[in-house]
Amino acid sequence: MIPKRSDFMHWAKTRPRVKYDLALSGILNLPFAELDVKLSELELHGDNAYGYRPLVEALAAHCRVLPENVVTVSGGTSMANHLAMAALLQHDDEVLVEQPTYDPLLAVAEYLGTKIKRFPRRFEDGFKIDISELHKQITSRTRLIVLTNLHNPSSALVDETTLRKIGELARAVQARVLVDEVYLEAMFENAPRSAVLLGTEFVATSSVTKGYGLSGLRSGWILTEAELAEKIRRLDDIFAASAPNVMERLSVSALNQLPKIAARARSMLETNRRRLNNFFAARDDI
């Protein structure tokens, strides 16, 4: 029997707390005091049965899609991935997952009882996706191709040309492509458009967690075509009656302040990258 757990997430939650944590995967959390919000703007309750409408519209504008293409998720990108995969896959379906990848993606595919095949993203190739190798893995039973962009853990970017080729392979066997785009947010204004805009075979997930230091909001989303979006919303009925209204209202405030929050994040990233590059430049043993 497949264990229903993620050993990686258990380690991440229970590892020792240290002064300098090189295992962190996002921007340092934004203090609440730096989020310009008044308590009078918040409510414990509200009309958010299938997503708080101001949040849906703010995310649609941010992602350059229509509101009907947005599913809001209280649980960050990990829960968004879970919902998307649960809506797209049946027991014993074949799913292709990149290797290496973000461990919970693989754990969800195992939890759903799918037949998992891996396609490599090799260090020596700059972690690029080899379309010919992917083509060899796909069969008529393939229902989903799963990848991360920026790649987790390497941060390699999958360019639009490659994504389109992956979409063509999926379309040929009536499969979908799930792209976890949470780290694209860390490219800020230089981020390419979401893969969901390349065709209906694409489903994209993301959140404000990693790129902006807003992990406490657990505000995630799924982008997909309208019919599948509605299916995912109805599936979420069995996971959560509705999201915390306070979280959704705070998320709208954060999205309205995103340029300021992104500037803070960008400054941190630039400083850290400079220090890391200087460290590597001074070493010949790494």
Foldseek 3Di string as FASTA:
>chain_A
DDDLDFPVVVCVVPPDDDPDDPPDQFFAADDPVPQPDDPVLADQDDPQQFHDVLLLVLVCVVQVHDSLQKGKDQAFQLVVLLLLCVLQDAAAFEEEEEPPADRSNVSSCVVRNYHYDYFYQDVVNVRAGDLVSVLVVDDLRHAEYEAEACGPPRRNHHDPVNLLSVVVSCVVSVHAYEYEDACLVLVPPPRDRDSQVNDQSYKYKYACPHNQNHVVLSIIMIGHDNVSSVSSSVVCVVVDSGHRRRSSSSSSSCSVVVVVSNVVSNVVVVVVVVVVVVVVVVDDPD
